[in-house]
Every structure is written in structure tokens, then in C-alpha cells.
Amino acid sequence: MQTLLTIIGIIALLAGVVFIGQGSGYFPYPASSFMISQTRWIYYGGGIAVVGVLLIVYARRYF
């Protein structure tokens, strides 16, 4: 269970960072993405990244 939660947490953290990068315009790939330079995706990505970190911490601490 610890391994599964850690993997899901890492995937969520990476997805959140990509969302933040696209929303801020620092990671404009693919060029036709609707997420590029859209501020709301920065917030969505931040939330997803926080959930990922919490999952990793929970998996490491309680299992």
C-alpha cells in the first residue's frame, strides 16, 4: 500500500508541476494547448501538487 500511494503521489506531484508550468507559460508544450498562459491552471496545478505531496507524506509516515 505504501508503494502504491507513493507512486500515485509522485504522479500527482509531477502532473501539478506540469499544469503550473503550462498555466504560467514556462512550459508551452504542445503549442496548441488550451492551458498555456491561463492563470486558473496555475491554481489547479498547485492544488494537484499539494495533494501529491500529502499522499507521499501520508504513505511514508503511516505505512
Protein backbone atom coordinates (compact mmCIF):
# COMPACT_ATOMS: atom_id res chain seq x y z
CA MET A 1 0.00 0.00 0.00
CA GLN A 2 2.86 2.37 0.79
CA THR A 3 4.38 1.88 -2.64
CA LEU A 4 1.08 2.44 -4.43
CA LEU A 5 0.32 5.66 -2.53
CA THR A 6 3.86 6.91 -3.12
CA ILE A 7 3.63 6.27 -6.87
CA ILE A 8 0.22 7.98 -7.09
CA GLY A 9 1.60 10.90 -5.07
CA ILE A 10 4.61 11.28 -7.35
CA ILE A 11 2.40 11.19 -10.45
CA ALA A 12 0.07 13.80 -8.96
CA LEU A 13 3.01 15.99 -7.98
CA LEU A 14 4.51 15.82 -11.48
CA ALA A 15 1.14 16.49 -13.11
CA GLY A 16 0.67 19.50 -10.85
CA VAL A 17 4.07 20.88 -11.76
CA VAL A 18 3.30 20.46 -15.48
CA PHE A 19 -0.04 22.24 -15.01
CA ILE A 20 1.74 25.10 -13.23
CA GLY A 21 4.33 25.28 -16.00
CA GLN A 22 1.74 25.38 -18.75
CA GLY A 23 -0.52 27.81 -16.91
CA SER A 24 2.33 30.22 -16.33
CA GLY A 25 3.64 29.87 -19.89
CA TYR A 26 7.02 28.40 -18.90
CA PHE A 27 6.21 25.00 -20.42
CA PRO A 28 4.33 25.75 -23.67
CA TYR A 29 4.02 22.20 -24.95
CA PRO A 30 2.11 21.35 -27.05
CA ALA A 31 1.94 24.78 -28.65
CA SER A 32 -1.80 24.49 -29.27
CA SER A 33 -2.67 23.62 -25.67
CA PHE A 34 -5.61 25.48 -24.15
CA MET A 35 -3.78 25.62 -20.80
CA ILE A 36 -0.91 27.88 -21.88
CA SER A 37 -0.85 31.25 -20.09
CA GLN A 38 -4.16 30.62 -18.32
CA THR A 39 -3.88 31.61 -14.67
CA ARG A 40 -6.51 29.18 -13.41
CA TRP A 41 -4.31 26.23 -14.40
CA ILE A 42 -1.61 27.53 -12.07
CA TYR A 43 -4.08 27.20 -9.18
CA TYR A 44 -5.35 23.80 -10.33
CA GLY A 45 -1.78 22.57 -10.67
CA GLY A 46 -0.88 23.90 -7.25
CA GLY A 47 -3.79 22.02 -5.72
CA ILE A 48 -2.89 18.80 -7.50
CA ALA A 49 0.76 19.15 -6.46
CA VAL A 50 -0.24 19.70 -2.82
CA VAL A 51 -2.43 16.58 -2.91
CA GLY A 52 0.53 14.65 -4.35
CA VAL A 53 2.86 15.83 -1.59
CA LEU A 54 0.26 14.97 1.06
CA LEU A 55 -0.12 11.47 -0.38
CA ILE A 56 3.63 10.95 -0.31
CA VAL A 57 3.90 12.19 3.27
CA TYR A 58 0.95 10.06 4.36
CA ALA A 59 2.39 6.95 2.70
CA ARG A 60 5.80 7.45 4.29
CA ARG A 61 4.53 8.31 7.75
CA TYR A 62 1.65 5.90 8.35
CA PHE A 63 2.68 2.76 6.48
